[in-house]
Amino acid sequence: MEAPSPSYILSRAVLLITLLVAVVCGYSFVKKKQRQAAITAELESITSDSSFFQQFYAEDARKSLVRAIGLIAEANALGIPPDDTITRGMGIKPEFFANDAKHEEPPTREKIIRNCLRANYENFLKLGYQADFQTLGAMKNGELPPIPAGPQYGRKPVIFTLISPAISPGMEKVIANLEIRPPQADAQAPSAIEIAAAKQLAYDLSEARLIEEPVRDQILKGLSAPAP
């Protein structure tokens, strides 16, 4: 029997390598899609009303926020932009044939969740964090590792409450009220921008019927009071 020619052997080797690459790429694609779907499901759980606005414990609220930002960062590394991840995480289906003339204001609860997650993801980036294995691993457990760059390098960030629980008890359990920030002095007075953001949150929570108007007014009064 005549031995196969070198060109025949080479062509079969190329075909085998091509098939192997196709199988590996296909497997990677499926795994990637599975992880994207898992991220969406996890984020949907965090952004539900019972989780985002009604945590039992302040520590659970802080950990849930960190997990949510970790999921957004991981999704971005997998090719889904943060805004799209947040949209999917709220269970909103994309409109493939959306009417360009349609400009409806989103529901207030959606706006609150979107603003909170977007702002905290931006803070995550400003603190120098990246979606590396160690960072995402810590965030899955609700923990942020030490700040990796900048003036606060090596220190732990803090989870700040826009509306202090001293003004309205229980607000430390509301994820929408939390913000990832670099460490700062406890006695540092909030800036005018921070106070304005807290007041807007109070208005939004009232508009969404998550707090009653008397509670909103109490919060606004406390935010407007001069620092001791």
C-alpha atoms as a PDB file:
ATOM      1  CA  MET A   1       0.000   0.000   0.000  1.00  0.00           C
ATOM      2  CA  GLU A   2       1.360   3.378  -1.016  1.00  0.00           C
ATOM      3  CA  ALA A   3       2.269   5.697   1.899  1.00  0.00           C
ATOM      4  CA  PRO A   4       0.296   8.991   2.123  1.00  0.00           C
ATOM      5  CA  SER A   5       2.028  11.908   0.501  1.00  0.00           C
ATOM      6  CA  PRO A   6       3.424  14.751   2.643  1.00  0.00           C
ATOM      7  CA  SER A   7       0.847  17.151   1.184  1.00  0.00           C
ATOM      8  CA  TYR A   8      -2.002  14.787   2.180  1.00  0.00           C
ATOM      9  CA  ILE A   9      -0.664  14.471   5.722  1.00  0.00           C
ATOM     10  CA  LEU A  10      -0.246  18.254   5.964  1.00  0.00           C
ATOM     11  CA  SER A  11      -3.796  18.912   4.710  1.00  0.00           C
ATOM     12  CA  ARG A  12      -5.251  16.472   7.240  1.00  0.00           C
ATOM     13  CA  ALA A  13      -3.193  18.032  10.039  1.00  0.00           C
ATOM     14  CA  VAL A  14      -4.440  21.504   9.093  1.00  0.00           C
ATOM     15  CA  LEU A  15      -8.036  20.204   9.023  1.00  0.00           C
ATOM     16  CA  LEU A  16      -7.615  18.588  12.444  1.00  0.00           C
ATOM     17  CA  ILE A  17      -6.143  21.760  13.937  1.00  0.00           C
ATOM     18  CA  THR A  18      -8.959  23.840  12.411  1.00  0.00           C
ATOM     19  CA  LEU A  19     -11.594  21.538  13.890  1.00  0.00           C
ATOM     20  CA  LEU A  20      -9.886  21.610  17.273  1.00  0.00           C
ATOM     21  CA  VAL A  21      -9.753  25.416  17.267  1.00  0.00           C
ATOM     22  CA  ALA A  22     -13.435  25.554  16.275  1.00  0.00           C
ATOM     23  CA  VAL A  23     -14.394  23.240  19.144  1.00  0.00           C
ATOM     24  CA  VAL A  24     -12.367  25.253  21.677  1.00  0.00           C
ATOM     25  CA  CYS A  25     -13.803  28.559  20.409  1.00  0.00           C
ATOM     26  CA  GLY A  26     -17.319  27.154  20.457  1.00  0.00           C
ATOM     27  CA  TYR A  27     -16.887  25.891  24.017  1.00  0.00           C
ATOM     28  CA  SER A  28     -15.501  29.277  25.121  1.00  0.00           C
ATOM     29  CA  PHE A  29     -18.407  31.072  23.454  1.00  0.00           C
ATOM     30  CA  VAL A  30     -20.976  28.875  25.213  1.00  0.00           C
ATOM     31  CA  LYS A  31     -19.258  29.307  28.596  1.00  0.00           C
ATOM     32  CA  LYS A  32     -19.130  33.075  28.060  1.00  0.00           C
ATOM     33  CA  LYS A  33     -22.850  33.233  27.266  1.00  0.00           C
ATOM     34  CA  GLN A  34     -23.641  31.084  30.286  1.00  0.00           C
ATOM     35  CA  ARG A  35     -21.675  33.386  32.566  1.00  0.00           C
ATOM     36  CA  GLN A  36     -23.346  36.467  31.080  1.00  0.00           C
ATOM     37  CA  ALA A  37     -26.745  34.908  31.794  1.00  0.00           C
ATOM     38  CA  ALA A  38     -25.662  34.029  35.353  1.00  0.00           C
ATOM     39  CA  ILE A  39     -24.509  37.625  35.948  1.00  0.00           C
ATOM     40  CA  THR A  40     -27.879  38.936  34.767  1.00  0.00           C
ATOM     41  CA  ALA A  41     -29.728  36.547  37.088  1.00  0.00           C
ATOM     42  CA  GLU A  42     -27.571  37.503  40.094  1.00  0.00           C
ATOM     43  CA  LEU A  43     -28.019  41.208  39.395  1.00  0.00           C
ATOM     44  CA  GLU A  44     -31.773  40.779  39.026  1.00  0.00           C
ATOM     45  CA  SER A  45     -31.844  39.315  42.533  1.00  0.00           C
ATOM     46  CA  ILE A  46     -29.924  42.281  43.958  1.00  0.00           C
ATOM     47  CA  THR A  47     -32.015  44.920  42.166  1.00  0.00           C
ATOM     48  CA  SER A  48     -35.358  43.495  43.260  1.00  0.00           C
ATOM     49  CA  ASP A  49     -37.367  45.793  45.533  1.00  0.00           C
ATOM     50  CA  SER A  50     -37.023  43.443  48.497  1.00  0.00           C
ATOM     51  CA  SER A  51     -33.235  43.529  48.178  1.00  0.00           C
ATOM     52  CA  PHE A  52     -32.375  47.002  46.922  1.00  0.00           C
ATOM     53  CA  PHE A  53     -34.651  48.947  49.258  1.00  0.00           C
ATOM     54  CA  GLN A  54     -35.387  46.594  52.187  1.00  0.00           C
ATOM     55  CA  GLN A  55     -32.325  44.770  53.485  1.00  0.00           C
ATOM     56  CA  PHE A  56     -32.627  43.432  57.032  1.00  0.00           C
ATOM     57  CA  TYR A  57     -29.063  44.331  58.015  1.00  0.00           C
ATOM     58  CA  ALA A  58     -26.714  47.170  57.064  1.00  0.00           C
ATOM     59  CA  GLU A  59     -23.842  44.727  56.460  1.00  0.00           C
ATOM     60  CA  ASP A  60     -25.949  42.797  53.937  1.00  0.00           C
ATOM     61  CA  ALA A  61     -26.749  46.026  52.095  1.00  0.00           C
ATOM     62  CA  ARG A  62     -23.061  46.943  51.852  1.00  0.00           C
ATOM     63  CA  LYS A  63     -22.070  43.482  50.647  1.00  0.00           C
ATOM     64  CA  SER A  64     -24.878  43.417  48.088  1.00  0.00           C
ATOM     65  CA  LEU A  65     -23.709  46.740  46.640  1.00  0.00           C
ATOM     66  CA  VAL A  66     -20.134  45.471  46.320  1.00  0.00           C
ATOM     67  CA  ARG A  67     -21.316  42.233  44.695  1.00  0.00           C
ATOM     68  CA  ALA A  68     -23.428  44.202  42.215  1.00  0.00           C
ATOM     69  CA  ILE A  69     -20.493  46.407  41.169  1.00  0.00           C
ATOM     70  CA  GLY A  70     -18.304  43.314  40.834  1.00  0.00           C
ATOM     71  CA  LEU A  71     -20.889  41.746  38.527  1.00  0.00           C
ATOM     72  CA  ILE A  72     -21.023  44.878  36.372  1.00  0.00           C
ATOM     73  CA  ALA A  73     -17.219  44.955  36.146  1.00  0.00           C
ATOM     74  CA  GLU A  74     -17.089  41.275  35.195  1.00  0.00           C
ATOM     75  CA  ALA A  75     -19.792  41.717  32.556  1.00  0.00           C
ATOM     76  CA  ASN A  76     -17.869  44.631  31.073  1.00  0.00           C
ATOM     77  CA  ALA A  77     -14.803  42.376  30.779  1.00  0.00           C
ATOM     78  CA  LEU A  78     -17.031  39.857  28.977  1.00  0.00           C
ATOM     79  CA  GLY A  79     -18.120  42.457  26.429  1.00  0.00           C
ATOM     80  CA  ILE A  80     -21.351  43.861  27.910  1.00  0.00           C
ATOM     81  CA  PRO A  81     -21.210  47.638  28.610  1.00  0.00           C
ATOM     82  CA  PRO A  82     -22.181  48.688  32.161  1.00  0.00           C
ATOM     83  CA  ASP A  83     -25.413  50.433  31.149  1.00  0.00           C
ATOM     84  CA  ASP A  84     -26.550  47.341  29.241  1.00  0.00           C
ATOM     85  CA  THR A  85     -25.697  45.113  32.209  1.00  0.00           C
ATOM     86  CA  ILE A  86     -27.703  47.331  34.554  1.00  0.00           C
ATOM     87  CA  THR A  87     -30.642  47.297  32.136  1.00  0.00           C
ATOM     88  CA  ARG A  88     -30.550  43.503  31.890  1.00  0.00           C
ATOM     89  CA  GLY A  89     -30.078  43.238  35.643  1.00  0.00           C
ATOM     90  CA  MET A  90     -33.371  45.054  36.180  1.00  0.00           C
ATOM     91  CA  GLY A  91     -35.134  42.547  33.946  1.00  0.00           C
ATOM     92  CA  ILE A  92     -35.673  45.078  31.148  1.00  0.00           C
ATOM     93  CA  LYS A  93     -35.710  43.536  27.684  1.00  0.00           C
ATOM     94  CA  PRO A  94     -33.992  45.520  24.893  1.00  0.00           C
ATOM     95  CA  GLU A  95     -36.265  47.075  22.269  1.00  0.00           C
ATOM     96  CA  PHE A  96     -34.836  46.004  18.921  1.00  0.00           C
ATOM     97  CA  PHE A  97     -37.269  48.158  16.974  1.00  0.00           C
ATOM     98  CA  ALA A  98     -37.635  51.072  19.368  1.00  0.00           C
ATOM     99  CA  ASN A  99     -39.460  54.176  18.162  1.00  0.00           C
ATOM    100  CA  ASP A 100     -36.951  57.043  18.026  1.00  0.00           C
ATOM    101  CA  ALA A 101     -39.746  59.497  18.785  1.00  0.00           C
ATOM    102  CA  LYS A 102     -40.553  57.729  22.049  1.00  0.00           C
ATOM    103  CA  HIS A 103     -38.849  59.449  24.967  1.00  0.00           C
ATOM    104  CA  GLU A 104     -40.728  58.325  28.051  1.00  0.00           C
ATOM    105  CA  GLU A 105     -39.264  59.047  31.463  1.00  0.00           C
ATOM    106  CA  PRO A 106     -38.238  55.772  33.159  1.00  0.00           C
ATOM    107  CA  PRO A 107     -40.050  54.765  36.361  1.00  0.00           C
ATOM    108  CA  THR A 108     -38.555  56.419  39.419  1.00  0.00           C
ATOM    109  CA  ARG A 109     -37.476  53.137  41.037  1.00  0.00           C
ATOM    110  CA  GLU A 110     -35.608  52.203  37.867  1.00  0.00           C
ATOM    111  CA  LYS A 111     -33.941  55.628  37.832  1.00  0.00           C
ATOM    112  CA  ILE A 112     -32.858  55.259  41.479  1.00  0.00           C
ATOM    113  CA  ILE A 113     -31.296  51.824  40.877  1.00  0.00           C
ATOM    114  CA  ARG A 114     -29.614  52.884  37.645  1.00  0.00           C
ATOM    115  CA  ASN A 115     -28.145  56.066  39.157  1.00  0.00           C
ATOM    116  CA  CYS A 116     -26.842  54.196  42.208  1.00  0.00           C
ATOM    117  CA  LEU A 117     -25.155  51.390  40.273  1.00  0.00           C
ATOM    118  CA  ARG A 118     -23.732  53.655  37.578  1.00  0.00           C
ATOM    119  CA  ALA A 119     -22.272  56.107  40.116  1.00  0.00           C
ATOM    120  CA  ASN A 120     -20.746  53.326  42.202  1.00  0.00           C
ATOM    121  CA  TYR A 121     -19.241  51.623  39.150  1.00  0.00           C
ATOM    122  CA  GLU A 122     -17.648  54.943  38.165  1.00  0.00           C
ATOM    123  CA  ASN A 123     -16.257  55.286  41.694  1.00  0.00           C
ATOM    124  CA  PHE A 124     -14.903  51.740  41.416  1.00  0.00           C
ATOM    125  CA  LEU A 125     -12.965  52.790  38.312  1.00  0.00           C
ATOM    126  CA  LYS A 126     -11.828  56.110  39.788  1.00  0.00           C
ATOM    127  CA  LEU A 127     -10.320  54.261  42.745  1.00  0.00           C
ATOM    128  CA  GLY A 128      -8.162  52.329  40.275  1.00  0.00           C
ATOM    129  CA  TYR A 129      -9.848  48.926  40.494  1.00  0.00           C
ATOM    130  CA  GLN A 130      -9.819  46.543  37.543  1.00  0.00           C
ATOM    131  CA  ALA A 131     -11.770  43.396  36.779  1.00  0.00           C
ATOM    132  CA  ASP A 132      -8.904  41.061  37.649  1.00  0.00           C
ATOM    133  CA  PHE A 133      -9.301  37.644  39.245  1.00  0.00           C
ATOM    134  CA  GLN A 134      -8.382  38.720  42.795  1.00  0.00           C
ATOM    135  CA  THR A 135     -10.593  41.824  42.806  1.00  0.00           C
ATOM    136  CA  LEU A 136     -13.638  40.012  41.408  1.00  0.00           C
ATOM    137  CA  GLY A 137     -13.042  37.090  43.771  1.00  0.00           C
ATOM    138  CA  ALA A 138     -13.143  39.395  46.796  1.00  0.00           C
ATOM    139  CA  MET A 139     -16.193  41.264  45.490  1.00  0.00           C
ATOM    140  CA  LYS A 140     -18.151  38.023  45.063  1.00  0.00           C
ATOM    141  CA  ASN A 141     -17.888  37.773  48.853  1.00  0.00           C
ATOM    142  CA  GLY A 142     -19.034  41.371  49.258  1.00  0.00           C
ATOM    143  CA  GLU A 143     -15.562  42.712  50.064  1.00  0.00           C
ATOM    144  CA  LEU A 144     -13.486  45.349  48.302  1.00  0.00           C
ATOM    145  CA  PRO A 145      -9.707  44.776  48.402  1.00  0.00           C
ATOM    146  CA  PRO A 146      -7.341  47.619  49.335  1.00  0.00           C
ATOM    147  CA  ILE A 147      -7.285  50.541  46.904  1.00  0.00           C
ATOM    148  CA  PRO A 148      -4.780  49.603  44.156  1.00  0.00           C
ATOM    149  CA  ALA A 149      -3.650  53.070  43.030  1.00  0.00           C
ATOM    150  CA  GLY A 150      -3.679  56.773  43.790  1.00  0.00           C
ATOM    151  CA  PRO A 151      -3.257  58.831  46.981  1.00  0.00           C
ATOM    152  CA  GLN A 152      -5.171  56.265  49.086  1.00  0.00           C
ATOM    153  CA  TYR A 153      -3.147  53.295  47.817  1.00  0.00           C
ATOM    154  CA  GLY A 154      -3.280  50.299  50.157  1.00  0.00           C
ATOM    155  CA  ARG A 155      -6.146  51.613  52.269  1.00  0.00           C
ATOM    156  CA  LYS A 156      -9.628  50.135  52.385  1.00  0.00           C
ATOM    157  CA  PRO A 157     -12.452  52.114  50.780  1.00  0.00           C
ATOM    158  CA  VAL A 158     -15.558  52.927  52.775  1.00  0.00           C
ATOM    159  CA  ILE A 159     -19.261  52.522  52.084  1.00  0.00           C
ATOM    160  CA  PHE A 160     -20.751  55.949  52.732  1.00  0.00           C
ATOM    161  CA  THR A 161     -24.434  56.689  53.414  1.00  0.00           C
ATOM    162  CA  LEU A 162     -25.792  59.646  51.439  1.00  0.00           C
ATOM    163  CA  ILE A 163     -28.625  60.079  53.939  1.00  0.00           C
ATOM    164  CA  SER A 164     -27.224  59.469  57.392  1.00  0.00           C
ATOM    165  CA  PRO A 165     -29.105  56.981  59.597  1.00  0.00           C
ATOM    166  CA  ALA A 166     -28.809  59.652  62.301  1.00  0.00           C
ATOM    167  CA  ILE A 167     -31.272  61.679  60.222  1.00  0.00           C
ATOM    168  CA  SER A 168     -33.462  58.755  59.185  1.00  0.00           C
ATOM    169  CA  PRO A 169     -32.867  55.439  60.988  1.00  0.00           C
ATOM    170  CA  GLY A 170     -32.785  52.430  58.702  1.00  0.00           C
ATOM    171  CA  MET A 171     -31.361  54.239  55.674  1.00  0.00           C
ATOM    172  CA  GLU A 172     -28.084  52.363  56.154  1.00  0.00           C
ATOM    173  CA  LYS A 173     -29.983  49.228  55.036  1.00  0.00           C
ATOM    174  CA  VAL A 174     -31.021  50.741  51.695  1.00  0.00           C
ATOM    175  CA  ILE A 175     -28.569  49.916  48.892  1.00  0.00           C
ATOM    176  CA  ALA A 176     -29.688  52.978  46.929  1.00  0.00           C
ATOM    177  CA  ASN A 177     -28.386  55.121  49.789  1.00  0.00           C
ATOM    178  CA  LEU A 178     -24.858  53.672  49.712  1.00  0.00           C
ATOM    179  CA  GLU A 179     -21.791  54.923  47.875  1.00  0.00           C
ATOM    180  CA  ILE A 180     -18.269  53.498  47.554  1.00  0.00           C
ATOM    181  CA  ARG A 181     -15.701  56.164  48.435  1.00  0.00           C
ATOM    182  CA  PRO A 182     -12.074  56.510  49.491  1.00  0.00           C
ATOM    183  CA  PRO A 183     -11.528  56.699  53.267  1.00  0.00           C
ATOM    184  CA  GLN A 184     -11.985  60.127  54.804  1.00  0.00           C
ATOM    185  CA  ALA A 185     -12.031  61.743  58.188  1.00  0.00           C
ATOM    186  CA  ASP A 186     -15.182  60.948  60.166  1.00  0.00           C
ATOM    187  CA  ALA A 187     -15.604  64.583  61.131  1.00  0.00           C
ATOM    188  CA  GLN A 188     -15.416  65.810  57.544  1.00  0.00           C
ATOM    189  CA  ALA A 189     -18.533  67.804  56.679  1.00  0.00           C
ATOM    190  CA  PRO A 190     -20.421  66.729  53.527  1.00  0.00           C
ATOM    191  CA  SER A 191     -19.908  68.928  50.503  1.00  0.00           C
ATOM    192  CA  ALA A 192     -22.674  70.920  48.843  1.00  0.00           C
ATOM    193  CA  ILE A 193     -22.754  68.386  46.002  1.00  0.00           C
ATOM    194  CA  GLU A 194     -23.100  65.476  48.435  1.00  0.00           C
ATOM    195  CA  ILE A 195     -25.950  67.230  50.242  1.00  0.00           C
ATOM    196  CA  ALA A 196     -27.672  67.939  46.923  1.00  0.00           C
ATOM    197  CA  ALA A 197     -27.352  64.262  45.931  1.00  0.00           C
ATOM    198  CA  ALA A 198     -28.827  63.163  49.267  1.00  0.00           C
ATOM    199  CA  LYS A 199     -31.749  65.577  48.887  1.00  0.00           C
ATOM    200  CA  GLN A 200     -32.437  64.332  45.352  1.00  0.00           C
ATOM    201  CA  LEU A 201     -32.445  60.756  46.618  1.00  0.00           C
ATOM    202  CA  ALA A 202     -34.984  61.714  49.292  1.00  0.00           C
ATOM    203  CA  TYR A 203     -37.236  63.274  46.640  1.00  0.00           C
ATOM    204  CA  ASP A 204     -36.866  60.212  44.398  1.00  0.00           C
ATOM    205  CA  LEU A 205     -37.630  57.754  47.210  1.00  0.00           C
ATOM    206  CA  SER A 206     -40.751  59.750  48.047  1.00  0.00           C
ATOM    207  CA  GLU A 207     -41.846  59.927  44.404  1.00  0.00           C
ATOM    208  CA  ALA A 208     -41.381  56.156  44.123  1.00  0.00           C
ATOM    209  CA  ARG A 209     -43.553  55.743  47.258  1.00  0.00           C
ATOM    210  CA  LEU A 210     -40.730  54.032  49.108  1.00  0.00           C
ATOM    211  CA  ILE A 211     -40.923  56.606  51.897  1.00  0.00           C
ATOM    212  CA  GLU A 212     -43.793  58.852  52.937  1.00  0.00           C
ATOM    213  CA  GLU A 213     -43.757  62.611  52.494  1.00  0.00           C
ATOM    214  CA  PRO A 214     -43.343  63.357  56.241  1.00  0.00           C
ATOM    215  CA  VAL A 215     -40.236  61.143  56.256  1.00  0.00           C
ATOM    216  CA  ARG A 216     -38.930  62.928  53.167  1.00  0.00           C
ATOM    217  CA  ASP A 217     -39.482  66.295  54.819  1.00  0.00           C
ATOM    218  CA  GLN A 218     -37.705  65.099  57.970  1.00  0.00           C
ATOM    219  CA  ILE A 219     -34.729  64.021  55.862  1.00  0.00           C
ATOM    220  CA  LEU A 220     -34.618  67.325  53.971  1.00  0.00           C
ATOM    221  CA  LYS A 221     -34.783  69.227  57.242  1.00  0.00           C
ATOM    222  CA  GLY A 222     -31.929  67.166  58.680  1.00  0.00           C
ATOM    223  CA  LEU A 223     -29.808  67.665  55.553  1.00  0.00           C
ATOM    224  CA  SER A 224     -30.398  71.414  55.683  1.00  0.00           C
ATOM    225  CA  ALA A 225     -29.491  71.722  59.357  1.00  0.00           C
ATOM    226  CA  PRO A 226     -26.117  73.392  60.040  1.00  0.00           C
ATOM    227  CA  ALA A 227     -23.302  71.030  61.035  1.00  0.00           C
ATOM    228  CA  PRO A 228     -22.671  70.947  64.818  1.00  0.00           C
END
